[in-house]
Amino acid sequence: MRAIGFTLMVMLAIASFSTLAIAAEKGNNHYKWTDAQGHLHFDDALPVEALQFGYDVISPSGLTIKHVDRTKTPEERKADEQARAIEAKRKHALDEQNRVDQQILVAYPTERELVIAQQAQLDMLNQNIGATQVSLESQEKSLSEMLEHAADLERSGKPVSAALSSQIEALRKNVEQQKAYIASKQEEKTAAAEKFVKQIEHYRQIKAQQHP
């Protein structure tokens, strides 16, 4: 019985202490803030002005319990949201770059293997350009022959048939298309070569980070 009575007394004491602590926290705290002119203020109640500048909650013993930032304007909240969105985008891009870097290291354990793969892509572009150039030269020759034939017909006073005119026009279009294709592939080759130089530099950097 004595043990039970002692336990009840302890529990009542703890409950009373908790109640007093809560009451002190609710009713006896003070507030400290600095206004726009830099003047320090203390108050037992929380005024609207303190919300505008932010404030500290002070315990009855004079200790700072917590700091509350000032209420932000809608424009500031919008700016914060935009900043968070930019940071999230930056982090996503960094994570994506790290993922790609790891894939490169797995695919090409050595720089030599990466260079070989790059050269294979350049060789493929060169083959496409070379094959198109051969076809272009053949079609240019055919076009030249057809134009000479049409000129001969005109000099002799004979009409140029619709079929010949149609063939000449079709060849002209093919020649222009193949010239444009070769030009685009040449640009692609130049861009690829520049990209590969940067890729090698980046590869060396991530290799160095892997083995500092």
C-alpha atoms as a PDB file:
ATOM      1  CA  MET A   1       0.000   0.000   0.000  1.00  0.00           C
ATOM      2  CA  ARG A   2       2.839   2.331   0.882  1.00  0.00           C
ATOM      3  CA  ALA A   3       4.464   1.614  -2.476  1.00  0.00           C
ATOM      4  CA  ILE A   4       1.221   2.372  -4.326  1.00  0.00           C
ATOM      5  CA  GLY A   5       0.732   5.574  -2.358  1.00  0.00           C
ATOM      6  CA  PHE A   6       4.272   6.701  -3.088  1.00  0.00           C
ATOM      7  CA  THR A   7       3.808   6.002  -6.828  1.00  0.00           C
ATOM      8  CA  LEU A   8       0.610   8.058  -6.896  1.00  0.00           C
ATOM      9  CA  MET A   9       2.370  10.955  -5.169  1.00  0.00           C
ATOM     10  CA  VAL A  10       5.174  10.878  -7.755  1.00  0.00           C
ATOM     11  CA  MET A  11       2.689  10.837 -10.641  1.00  0.00           C
ATOM     12  CA  LEU A  12       0.741  13.753  -9.176  1.00  0.00           C
ATOM     13  CA  ALA A  13       3.948  15.720  -8.737  1.00  0.00           C
ATOM     14  CA  ILE A  14       4.973  15.121 -12.339  1.00  0.00           C
ATOM     15  CA  ALA A  15       1.515  16.141 -13.591  1.00  0.00           C
ATOM     16  CA  SER A  16       1.575  19.295 -11.496  1.00  0.00           C
ATOM     17  CA  PHE A  17       5.057  20.197 -12.751  1.00  0.00           C
ATOM     18  CA  SER A  18       3.997  19.648 -16.396  1.00  0.00           C
ATOM     19  CA  THR A  19       0.920  21.817 -15.890  1.00  0.00           C
ATOM     20  CA  LEU A  20       2.991  24.610 -14.405  1.00  0.00           C
ATOM     21  CA  ALA A  21       5.530  24.349 -17.237  1.00  0.00           C
ATOM     22  CA  ILE A  22       2.814  24.594 -19.884  1.00  0.00           C
ATOM     23  CA  ALA A  23       1.240  27.553 -18.132  1.00  0.00           C
ATOM     24  CA  ALA A  24       4.597  29.280 -17.895  1.00  0.00           C
ATOM     25  CA  GLU A  25       5.232  28.660 -21.572  1.00  0.00           C
ATOM     26  CA  LYS A  26       1.835  30.053 -22.557  1.00  0.00           C
ATOM     27  CA  GLY A  27       1.549  32.986 -20.206  1.00  0.00           C
ATOM     28  CA  ASN A  28       4.995  34.103 -19.079  1.00  0.00           C
ATOM     29  CA  ASN A  29       6.993  34.243 -22.295  1.00  0.00           C
ATOM     30  CA  HIS A  30       8.188  37.565 -23.669  1.00  0.00           C
ATOM     31  CA  TYR A  31       8.833  38.733 -27.212  1.00  0.00           C
ATOM     32  CA  LYS A  32      11.810  40.617 -28.594  1.00  0.00           C
ATOM     33  CA  TRP A  33      12.126  42.225 -32.024  1.00  0.00           C
ATOM     34  CA  THR A  34      13.922  45.024 -33.871  1.00  0.00           C
ATOM     35  CA  ASP A  35      11.965  47.596 -35.845  1.00  0.00           C
ATOM     36  CA  ALA A  36      12.820  49.233 -39.185  1.00  0.00           C
ATOM     37  CA  GLN A  37      14.882  51.911 -37.430  1.00  0.00           C
ATOM     38  CA  GLY A  38      16.969  49.316 -35.626  1.00  0.00           C
ATOM     39  CA  HIS A  39      15.345  49.876 -32.207  1.00  0.00           C
ATOM     40  CA  LEU A  40      15.051  46.851 -29.962  1.00  0.00           C
ATOM     41  CA  HIS A  41      11.642  46.143 -28.379  1.00  0.00           C
ATOM     42  CA  PHE A  42      10.383  43.816 -25.641  1.00  0.00           C
ATOM     43  CA  ASP A  43       6.751  43.034 -24.895  1.00  0.00           C
ATOM     44  CA  ASP A  44       4.636  40.498 -23.005  1.00  0.00           C
ATOM     45  CA  ALA A  45       2.116  40.399 -25.891  1.00  0.00           C
ATOM     46  CA  LEU A  46       2.888  39.777 -29.534  1.00  0.00           C
ATOM     47  CA  PRO A  47       2.087  42.938 -31.561  1.00  0.00           C
ATOM     48  CA  VAL A  48       1.512  43.088 -35.319  1.00  0.00           C
ATOM     49  CA  GLU A  49       4.754  45.043 -35.752  1.00  0.00           C
ATOM     50  CA  ALA A  50       6.776  42.087 -34.499  1.00  0.00           C
ATOM     51  CA  LEU A  51       5.244  39.890 -37.222  1.00  0.00           C
ATOM     52  CA  GLN A  52       6.455  42.350 -39.842  1.00  0.00           C
ATOM     53  CA  PHE A  53      10.083  42.193 -38.707  1.00  0.00           C
ATOM     54  CA  GLY A  54      10.385  38.753 -37.099  1.00  0.00           C
ATOM     55  CA  TYR A  55      10.849  38.143 -33.414  1.00  0.00           C
ATOM     56  CA  ASP A  56      12.403  35.972 -30.699  1.00  0.00           C
ATOM     57  CA  VAL A  57      10.410  34.160 -28.032  1.00  0.00           C
ATOM     58  CA  ILE A  58      12.066  34.717 -24.637  1.00  0.00           C
ATOM     59  CA  SER A  59      11.477  32.444 -21.640  1.00  0.00           C
ATOM     60  CA  PRO A  60      10.792  33.830 -18.161  1.00  0.00           C
ATOM     61  CA  SER A  61      14.448  33.119 -17.320  1.00  0.00           C
ATOM     62  CA  GLY A  62      15.613  35.283 -20.248  1.00  0.00           C
ATOM     63  CA  LEU A  63      16.632  32.494 -22.629  1.00  0.00           C
ATOM     64  CA  THR A  64      15.730  32.587 -26.316  1.00  0.00           C
ATOM     65  CA  ILE A  65      13.329  29.712 -26.948  1.00  0.00           C
ATOM     66  CA  LYS A  66      12.990  30.154 -30.704  1.00  0.00           C
ATOM     67  CA  HIS A  67      13.184  32.683 -33.510  1.00  0.00           C
ATOM     68  CA  VAL A  68      10.255  33.360 -35.825  1.00  0.00           C
ATOM     69  CA  ASP A  69      11.011  34.941 -39.202  1.00  0.00           C
ATOM     70  CA  ARG A  70       8.974  37.870 -40.404  1.00  0.00           C
ATOM     71  CA  THR A  71       5.891  37.282 -42.533  1.00  0.00           C
ATOM     72  CA  LYS A  72       6.910  37.363 -46.188  1.00  0.00           C
ATOM     73  CA  THR A  73       5.065  39.238 -48.899  1.00  0.00           C
ATOM     74  CA  PRO A  74       3.368  37.333 -51.752  1.00  0.00           C
ATOM     75  CA  GLU A  75       6.167  38.498 -54.058  1.00  0.00           C
ATOM     76  CA  GLU A  76       8.819  37.152 -51.704  1.00  0.00           C
ATOM     77  CA  ARG A  77       7.033  33.822 -51.361  1.00  0.00           C
ATOM     78  CA  LYS A  78       6.813  33.598 -55.141  1.00  0.00           C
ATOM     79  CA  ALA A  79      10.529  34.375 -55.430  1.00  0.00           C
ATOM     80  CA  ASP A  80      11.274  31.654 -52.864  1.00  0.00           C
ATOM     81  CA  GLU A  81       9.222  29.159 -54.866  1.00  0.00           C
ATOM     82  CA  GLN A  82      11.067  30.084 -58.038  1.00  0.00           C
ATOM     83  CA  ALA A  83      14.419  29.742 -56.265  1.00  0.00           C
ATOM     84  CA  ARG A  84      13.429  26.303 -54.978  1.00  0.00           C
ATOM     85  CA  ALA A  85      12.332  25.277 -58.475  1.00  0.00           C
ATOM     86  CA  ILE A  86      15.648  26.439 -59.957  1.00  0.00           C
ATOM     87  CA  GLU A  87      17.600  24.589 -57.276  1.00  0.00           C
ATOM     88  CA  ALA A  88      15.556  21.431 -57.848  1.00  0.00           C
ATOM     89  CA  LYS A  89      16.204  21.692 -61.597  1.00  0.00           C
ATOM     90  CA  ARG A  90      19.931  22.210 -60.986  1.00  0.00           C
ATOM     91  CA  LYS A  91      20.071  19.192 -58.683  1.00  0.00           C
ATOM     92  CA  HIS A  92      18.169  17.064 -61.203  1.00  0.00           C
ATOM     93  CA  ALA A  93      20.613  18.075 -63.961  1.00  0.00           C
ATOM     94  CA  LEU A  94      23.563  17.248 -61.698  1.00  0.00           C
ATOM     95  CA  ASP A  95      22.109  13.848 -60.824  1.00  0.00           C
ATOM     96  CA  GLU A  96      21.460  13.154 -64.504  1.00  0.00           C
ATOM     97  CA  GLN A  97      25.034  14.136 -65.410  1.00  0.00           C
ATOM     98  CA  ASN A  98      26.388  11.836 -62.697  1.00  0.00           C
ATOM     99  CA  ARG A  99      24.245   8.996 -64.059  1.00  0.00           C
ATOM    100  CA  VAL A 100      25.552   9.586 -67.602  1.00  0.00           C
ATOM    101  CA  ASP A 101      29.133   9.767 -66.316  1.00  0.00           C
ATOM    102  CA  GLN A 102      28.770   6.401 -64.632  1.00  0.00           C
ATOM    103  CA  GLN A 103      27.364   4.895 -67.826  1.00  0.00           C
ATOM    104  CA  ILE A 104      30.344   6.240 -69.788  1.00  0.00           C
ATOM    105  CA  LEU A 105      32.815   4.770 -67.306  1.00  0.00           C
ATOM    106  CA  VAL A 106      31.097   1.384 -67.511  1.00  0.00           C
ATOM    107  CA  ALA A 107      30.899   1.445 -71.327  1.00  0.00           C
ATOM    108  CA  TYR A 108      34.484   2.700 -71.786  1.00  0.00           C
ATOM    109  CA  PRO A 109      36.806   1.551 -68.977  1.00  0.00           C
ATOM    110  CA  THR A 110      39.774   3.180 -70.725  1.00  0.00           C
ATOM    111  CA  GLU A 111      40.255   6.355 -72.735  1.00  0.00           C
ATOM    112  CA  ARG A 112      41.495   4.321 -75.702  1.00  0.00           C
ATOM    113  CA  GLU A 113      38.165   2.488 -75.921  1.00  0.00           C
ATOM    114  CA  LEU A 114      36.314   5.798 -75.934  1.00  0.00           C
ATOM    115  CA  VAL A 115      38.560   7.176 -78.693  1.00  0.00           C
ATOM    116  CA  ILE A 116      37.978   4.047 -80.803  1.00  0.00           C
ATOM    117  CA  ALA A 117      34.196   4.434 -80.429  1.00  0.00           C
ATOM    118  CA  GLN A 118      34.413   8.109 -81.386  1.00  0.00           C
ATOM    119  CA  GLN A 119      36.520   7.345 -84.447  1.00  0.00           C
ATOM    120  CA  ALA A 120      34.006   4.691 -85.525  1.00  0.00           C
ATOM    121  CA  GLN A 121      31.282   7.363 -85.564  1.00  0.00           C
ATOM    122  CA  LEU A 122      33.467   9.716 -87.606  1.00  0.00           C
ATOM    123  CA  ASP A 123      34.300   6.891 -90.021  1.00  0.00           C
ATOM    124  CA  MET A 124      30.590   6.206 -90.509  1.00  0.00           C
ATOM    125  CA  LEU A 125      29.971   9.863 -91.341  1.00  0.00           C
ATOM    126  CA  ASN A 126      32.876   9.823 -93.792  1.00  0.00           C
ATOM    127  CA  GLN A 127      31.450   6.727 -95.484  1.00  0.00           C
ATOM    128  CA  ASN A 128      28.038   8.387 -95.862  1.00  0.00           C
ATOM    129  CA  ILE A 129      29.639  11.512 -97.285  1.00  0.00           C
ATOM    130  CA  GLY A 130      31.858   9.489 -99.641  1.00  0.00           C
ATOM    131  CA  ALA A 131      29.009   7.340-100.944  1.00  0.00           C
ATOM    132  CA  THR A 132      26.803  10.377-101.521  1.00  0.00           C
ATOM    133  CA  GLN A 133      29.658  12.185-103.259  1.00  0.00           C
ATOM    134  CA  VAL A 134      30.098   9.289-105.705  1.00  0.00           C
ATOM    135  CA  SER A 135      26.353   9.296-106.435  1.00  0.00           C
ATOM    136  CA  LEU A 136      26.401  13.072-106.842  1.00  0.00           C
ATOM    137  CA  GLU A 137      29.226  12.982-109.367  1.00  0.00           C
ATOM    138  CA  SER A 138      27.381  10.337-111.373  1.00  0.00           C
ATOM    139  CA  GLN A 139      24.153  12.335-111.407  1.00  0.00           C
ATOM    140  CA  GLU A 140      25.977  15.563-112.262  1.00  0.00           C
ATOM    141  CA  LYS A 141      27.541  13.790-115.230  1.00  0.00           C
ATOM    142  CA  SER A 142      24.130  12.503-116.332  1.00  0.00           C
ATOM    143  CA  LEU A 143      22.636  15.964-115.934  1.00  0.00           C
ATOM    144  CA  SER A 144      25.438  17.516-117.956  1.00  0.00           C
ATOM    145  CA  GLU A 145      24.907  14.993-120.766  1.00  0.00           C
ATOM    146  CA  MET A 146      21.140  15.616-120.811  1.00  0.00           C
ATOM    147  CA  LEU A 147      21.650  19.361-120.905  1.00  0.00           C
ATOM    148  CA  GLU A 148      24.054  19.020-123.828  1.00  0.00           C
ATOM    149  CA  HIS A 149      21.552  16.811-125.634  1.00  0.00           C
ATOM    150  CA  ALA A 150      18.759  19.334-125.041  1.00  0.00           C
ATOM    151  CA  ALA A 151      21.035  22.131-126.285  1.00  0.00           C
ATOM    152  CA  ASP A 152      21.844  20.142-129.440  1.00  0.00           C
ATOM    153  CA  LEU A 153      18.139  19.662-130.085  1.00  0.00           C
ATOM    154  CA  GLU A 154      17.482  23.369-129.730  1.00  0.00           C
ATOM    155  CA  ARG A 155      20.396  24.301-132.009  1.00  0.00           C
ATOM    156  CA  SER A 156      19.084  21.952-134.669  1.00  0.00           C
ATOM    157  CA  GLY A 157      15.621  23.460-134.359  1.00  0.00           C
ATOM    158  CA  LYS A 158      14.100  20.330-132.854  1.00  0.00           C
ATOM    159  CA  PRO A 159      11.831  20.495-129.795  1.00  0.00           C
ATOM    160  CA  VAL A 160      12.951  19.211-126.415  1.00  0.00           C
ATOM    161  CA  SER A 161      10.518  16.490-125.410  1.00  0.00           C
ATOM    162  CA  ALA A 162       8.502  16.700-122.224  1.00  0.00           C
ATOM    163  CA  ALA A 163      10.072  13.440-121.052  1.00  0.00           C
ATOM    164  CA  LEU A 164      13.606  14.859-121.427  1.00  0.00           C
ATOM    165  CA  SER A 165      12.646  18.087-119.700  1.00  0.00           C
ATOM    166  CA  SER A 166      11.108  16.091-116.855  1.00  0.00           C
ATOM    167  CA  GLN A 167      14.262  13.982-116.497  1.00  0.00           C
ATOM    168  CA  ILE A 168      16.453  17.085-116.436  1.00  0.00           C
ATOM    169  CA  GLU A 169      14.300  18.689-113.733  1.00  0.00           C
ATOM    170  CA  ALA A 170      14.301  15.517-111.630  1.00  0.00           C
ATOM    171  CA  LEU A 171      18.098  15.227-111.902  1.00  0.00           C
ATOM    172  CA  ARG A 172      18.532  18.866-110.912  1.00  0.00           C
ATOM    173  CA  LYS A 173      16.459  18.305-107.782  1.00  0.00           C
ATOM    174  CA  ASN A 174      18.415  15.164-106.898  1.00  0.00           C
ATOM    175  CA  VAL A 175      21.712  16.973-107.368  1.00  0.00           C
ATOM    176  CA  GLU A 176      20.612  19.828-105.096  1.00  0.00           C
ATOM    177  CA  GLN A 177      19.312  17.416-102.473  1.00  0.00           C
ATOM    178  CA  GLN A 178      22.534  15.433-102.428  1.00  0.00           C
ATOM    179  CA  LYS A 179      24.639  18.599-102.203  1.00  0.00           C
ATOM    180  CA  ALA A 180      22.536  19.696 -99.218  1.00  0.00           C
ATOM    181  CA  TYR A 181      22.893  16.243 -97.637  1.00  0.00           C
ATOM    182  CA  ILE A 182      26.675  16.315 -98.003  1.00  0.00           C
ATOM    183  CA  ALA A 183      26.822  19.807 -96.516  1.00  0.00           C
ATOM    184  CA  SER A 184      24.704  18.755 -93.542  1.00  0.00           C
ATOM    185  CA  LYS A 185      26.869  15.687 -92.956  1.00  0.00           C
ATOM    186  CA  GLN A 186      30.013  17.800 -93.134  1.00  0.00           C
ATOM    187  CA  GLU A 187      28.557  20.098 -90.471  1.00  0.00           C
ATOM    188  CA  GLU A 188      27.567  17.061 -88.404  1.00  0.00           C
ATOM    189  CA  LYS A 189      31.112  15.711 -88.695  1.00  0.00           C
ATOM    190  CA  THR A 190      32.640  19.031 -87.575  1.00  0.00           C
ATOM    191  CA  ALA A 191      30.239  19.260 -84.619  1.00  0.00           C
ATOM    192  CA  ALA A 192      30.953  15.638 -83.661  1.00  0.00           C
ATOM    193  CA  ALA A 193      34.714  16.211 -83.732  1.00  0.00           C
ATOM    194  CA  GLU A 194      34.359  19.256 -81.446  1.00  0.00           C
ATOM    195  CA  LYS A 195      32.023  17.295 -79.156  1.00  0.00           C
ATOM    196  CA  PHE A 196      34.468  14.401 -78.965  1.00  0.00           C
ATOM    197  CA  VAL A 197      37.303  16.697 -77.863  1.00  0.00           C
ATOM    198  CA  LYS A 198      35.170  17.983 -74.982  1.00  0.00           C
ATOM    199  CA  GLN A 199      34.012  14.459 -74.213  1.00  0.00           C
ATOM    200  CA  ILE A 200      37.609  13.285 -73.842  1.00  0.00           C
ATOM    201  CA  GLU A 201      38.388  16.210 -71.535  1.00  0.00           C
ATOM    202  CA  HIS A 202      35.332  15.398 -69.404  1.00  0.00           C
ATOM    203  CA  TYR A 203      36.238  11.710 -69.390  1.00  0.00           C
ATOM    204  CA  ARG A 204      39.664  12.546 -67.993  1.00  0.00           C
ATOM    205  CA  GLN A 205      38.062  14.696 -65.292  1.00  0.00           C
ATOM    206  CA  ILE A 206      35.685  11.998 -64.076  1.00  0.00           C
ATOM    207  CA  LYS A 207      38.499   9.451 -64.217  1.00  0.00           C
ATOM    208  CA  ALA A 208      40.626  11.752 -62.063  1.00  0.00           C
ATOM    209  CA  GLN A 209      37.763  12.127 -59.578  1.00  0.00           C
ATOM    210  CA  GLN A 210      37.394   8.364 -59.479  1.00  0.00           C
ATOM    211  CA  HIS A 211      41.104   7.928 -58.699  1.00  0.00           C
ATOM    212  CA  PRO A 212      42.311  11.166 -57.039  1.00  0.00           C
END
